Amino acid sequence: MTEPRIEQWWQELETEHKEWFRENLRAETIEPDVALAVYEAGGPDLKDKTLPPRDWDFIETQSEFVD
């Protein structure tokens, strides 16, 4: 089974959890409450792992200001 793409579950996350990812960009471990929020939003189980580089790139891109 393939893991859901971040584009599918990111929009379902509460703002506070999105902010955690932005403030902890490329973290090696995910806080338990944030990991649970991702799972409940339809994302991967991050209990013992982090996001793949592609997902971190997505978060970084979503966080950039547009001119």
N, C-alpha and C. Protein backbone atom coordinates (compact mmCIF):
# COMPACT_ATOMS: atom_id res chain seq x y z
N MET A 1 0.85 -1.19 0.00
CA MET A 1 0.00 0.00 0.00
C MET A 1 0.90 1.25 0.00
N THR A 2 0.59 2.20 -0.85
CA THR A 2 1.37 3.42 -0.92
C THR A 2 0.84 4.42 0.10
N GLU A 3 1.76 5.23 0.59
CA GLU A 3 1.36 6.25 1.56
C GLU A 3 0.66 7.39 0.84
N PRO A 4 -0.30 8.01 1.51
CA PRO A 4 -1.00 9.15 0.89
C PRO A 4 -0.05 10.31 0.64
N ARG A 5 -0.30 11.00 -0.42
CA ARG A 5 0.52 12.16 -0.78
C ARG A 5 0.14 13.34 0.12
N ILE A 6 1.12 14.16 0.42
CA ILE A 6 0.91 15.30 1.32
C ILE A 6 -0.16 16.24 0.79
N GLU A 7 -0.28 16.34 -0.51
CA GLU A 7 -1.30 17.22 -1.10
C GLU A 7 -2.70 16.79 -0.70
N GLN A 8 -2.86 15.52 -0.35
CA GLN A 8 -4.17 14.98 0.03
C GLN A 8 -4.51 15.26 1.49
N TRP A 9 -3.53 15.22 2.37
CA TRP A 9 -3.85 15.36 3.79
C TRP A 9 -3.46 16.71 4.39
N TRP A 10 -2.57 17.47 3.77
CA TRP A 10 -2.10 18.74 4.33
C TRP A 10 -3.25 19.71 4.59
N GLN A 11 -4.17 19.81 3.64
CA GLN A 11 -5.28 20.75 3.79
C GLN A 11 -6.22 20.39 4.94
N GLU A 12 -6.16 19.14 5.39
CA GLU A 12 -7.02 18.70 6.49
C GLU A 12 -6.42 18.99 7.87
N LEU A 13 -5.14 19.36 7.91
CA LEU A 13 -4.48 19.64 9.19
C LEU A 13 -4.94 20.98 9.77
N GLU A 14 -5.02 21.02 11.08
CA GLU A 14 -5.30 22.28 11.77
C GLU A 14 -4.09 23.20 11.60
N THR A 15 -4.32 24.50 11.64
CA THR A 15 -3.27 25.49 11.47
C THR A 15 -2.13 25.29 12.47
N GLU A 16 -2.44 24.97 13.71
CA GLU A 16 -1.40 24.81 14.73
C GLU A 16 -0.41 23.69 14.36
N HIS A 17 -0.90 22.65 13.71
CA HIS A 17 -0.02 21.55 13.32
C HIS A 17 0.80 21.92 12.08
N LYS A 18 0.20 22.66 11.18
CA LYS A 18 0.95 23.16 10.03
C LYS A 18 2.08 24.07 10.51
N GLU A 19 1.78 24.91 11.49
CA GLU A 19 2.80 25.82 12.04
C GLU A 19 3.94 25.04 12.68
N TRP A 20 3.61 23.93 13.34
CA TRP A 20 4.68 23.12 13.94
C TRP A 20 5.64 22.66 12.86
N PHE A 21 5.11 22.17 11.74
CA PHE A 21 5.97 21.72 10.65
C PHE A 21 6.81 22.88 10.10
N ARG A 22 6.21 24.04 9.97
CA ARG A 22 6.95 25.20 9.44
C ARG A 22 8.05 25.64 10.41
N GLU A 23 7.78 25.59 11.70
CA GLU A 23 8.75 26.00 12.71
C GLU A 23 9.83 24.95 12.95
N ASN A 24 9.56 23.71 12.58
CA ASN A 24 10.49 22.60 12.80
C ASN A 24 10.83 21.93 11.48
N LEU A 25 11.07 22.74 10.47
CA LEU A 25 11.31 22.24 9.11
C LEU A 25 12.42 21.19 9.10
N ARG A 26 12.10 20.07 8.53
CA ARG A 26 13.01 18.92 8.36
C ARG A 26 13.41 18.26 9.69
N ALA A 27 12.50 18.33 10.66
CA ALA A 27 12.75 17.68 11.95
C ALA A 27 12.92 16.18 11.77
N GLU A 28 13.80 15.61 12.56
CA GLU A 28 14.06 14.17 12.47
C GLU A 28 13.03 13.35 13.22
N THR A 29 12.35 13.98 14.17
CA THR A 29 11.26 13.33 14.88
C THR A 29 10.07 14.28 14.91
N ILE A 30 8.90 13.69 14.92
CA ILE A 30 7.66 14.47 14.92
C ILE A 30 7.02 14.33 16.30
N GLU A 31 6.61 15.45 16.89
CA GLU A 31 5.93 15.40 18.19
C GLU A 31 4.72 14.48 18.11
N PRO A 32 4.45 13.71 19.16
CA PRO A 32 3.34 12.75 19.13
C PRO A 32 1.99 13.34 18.75
N ASP A 33 1.65 14.53 19.29
CA ASP A 33 0.34 15.10 18.97
C ASP A 33 0.26 15.53 17.50
N VAL A 34 1.38 15.97 16.94
CA VAL A 34 1.42 16.36 15.53
C VAL A 34 1.34 15.11 14.65
N ALA A 35 2.06 14.07 15.04
CA ALA A 35 2.02 12.80 14.29
C ALA A 35 0.60 12.24 14.28
N LEU A 36 -0.09 12.32 15.40
CA LEU A 36 -1.46 11.84 15.48
C LEU A 36 -2.38 12.67 14.59
N ALA A 37 -2.19 13.98 14.58
CA ALA A 37 -3.01 14.86 13.74
C ALA A 37 -2.82 14.53 12.26
N VAL A 38 -1.58 14.25 11.87
CA VAL A 38 -1.31 13.88 10.47
C VAL A 38 -2.05 12.58 10.14
N TYR A 39 -1.94 11.61 11.01
CA TYR A 39 -2.60 10.32 10.78
C TYR A 39 -4.12 10.49 10.69
N GLU A 40 -4.68 11.27 11.59
CA GLU A 40 -6.13 11.50 11.59
C GLU A 40 -6.58 12.29 10.37
N ALA A 41 -5.69 13.06 9.77
CA ALA A 41 -6.01 13.82 8.56
C ALA A 41 -5.89 12.96 7.31
N GLY A 42 -5.48 11.71 7.49
CA GLY A 42 -5.35 10.81 6.35
C GLY A 42 -3.92 10.63 5.87
N GLY A 43 -2.97 11.16 6.64
CA GLY A 43 -1.56 11.06 6.28
C GLY A 43 -0.91 9.81 6.82
N PRO A 44 0.41 9.71 6.64
CA PRO A 44 1.13 8.53 7.09
C PRO A 44 1.28 8.48 8.61
N ASP A 45 1.59 7.30 9.13
CA ASP A 45 1.87 7.13 10.54
C ASP A 45 3.30 7.59 10.79
N LEU A 46 3.46 8.69 11.49
CA LEU A 46 4.78 9.28 11.73
C LEU A 46 5.27 9.02 13.15
N LYS A 47 4.71 8.01 13.79
CA LYS A 47 5.06 7.74 15.19
C LYS A 47 6.56 7.51 15.38
N ASP A 48 7.18 6.77 14.49
CA ASP A 48 8.60 6.45 14.64
C ASP A 48 9.45 6.90 13.46
N LYS A 49 8.94 7.88 12.71
CA LYS A 49 9.70 8.35 11.55
C LYS A 49 9.32 9.79 11.23
N THR A 50 9.97 10.34 10.23
CA THR A 50 9.70 11.70 9.80
C THR A 50 9.16 11.67 8.38
N LEU A 51 8.88 12.84 7.85
CA LEU A 51 8.39 12.94 6.49
C LEU A 51 9.53 12.71 5.49
N PRO A 52 9.20 12.25 4.30
CA PRO A 52 10.24 12.14 3.27
C PRO A 52 10.63 13.55 2.77
N PRO A 53 11.82 13.69 2.18
CA PRO A 53 12.28 15.00 1.70
C PRO A 53 11.28 15.70 0.79
N ARG A 54 10.60 14.95 -0.06
CA ARG A 54 9.62 15.54 -0.98
C ARG A 54 8.52 16.28 -0.21
N ASP A 55 8.05 15.71 0.91
CA ASP A 55 7.00 16.35 1.71
C ASP A 55 7.54 17.60 2.41
N TRP A 56 8.78 17.54 2.90
CA TRP A 56 9.38 18.72 3.51
C TRP A 56 9.51 19.83 2.48
N ASP A 57 9.87 19.47 1.26
CA ASP A 57 9.96 20.47 0.18
C ASP A 57 8.60 21.12 -0.05
N PHE A 58 7.54 20.32 -0.03
CA PHE A 58 6.18 20.83 -0.21
C PHE A 58 5.86 21.85 0.90
N ILE A 59 6.16 21.49 2.14
CA ILE A 59 5.87 22.38 3.27
C ILE A 59 6.66 23.68 3.14
N GLU A 60 7.91 23.56 2.78
CA GLU A 60 8.74 24.75 2.62
C GLU A 60 8.19 25.66 1.52
N THR A 61 7.77 25.08 0.42
CA THR A 61 7.19 25.84 -0.68
C THR A 61 5.89 26.50 -0.28
N GLN A 62 5.06 25.80 0.47
CA GLN A 62 3.79 26.35 0.92
C GLN A 62 3.99 27.49 1.90
N SER A 63 5.14 27.54 2.54
CA SER A 63 5.41 28.55 3.55
C SER A 63 6.05 29.82 3.00
N GLU A 64 6.46 29.78 1.76
CA GLU A 64 7.13 30.95 1.17
C GLU A 64 6.12 32.01 0.80
N PHE A 65 6.54 33.25 0.94
CA PHE A 65 5.68 34.37 0.55
C PHE A 65 5.73 34.57 -0.94
N VAL A 66 4.61 34.95 -1.50
CA VAL A 66 4.53 35.22 -2.93
C VAL A 66 4.62 36.73 -3.13
N ASP A 67 5.41 37.14 -4.10
CA ASP A 67 5.56 38.57 -4.40
C ASP A 67 4.31 39.11 -5.08
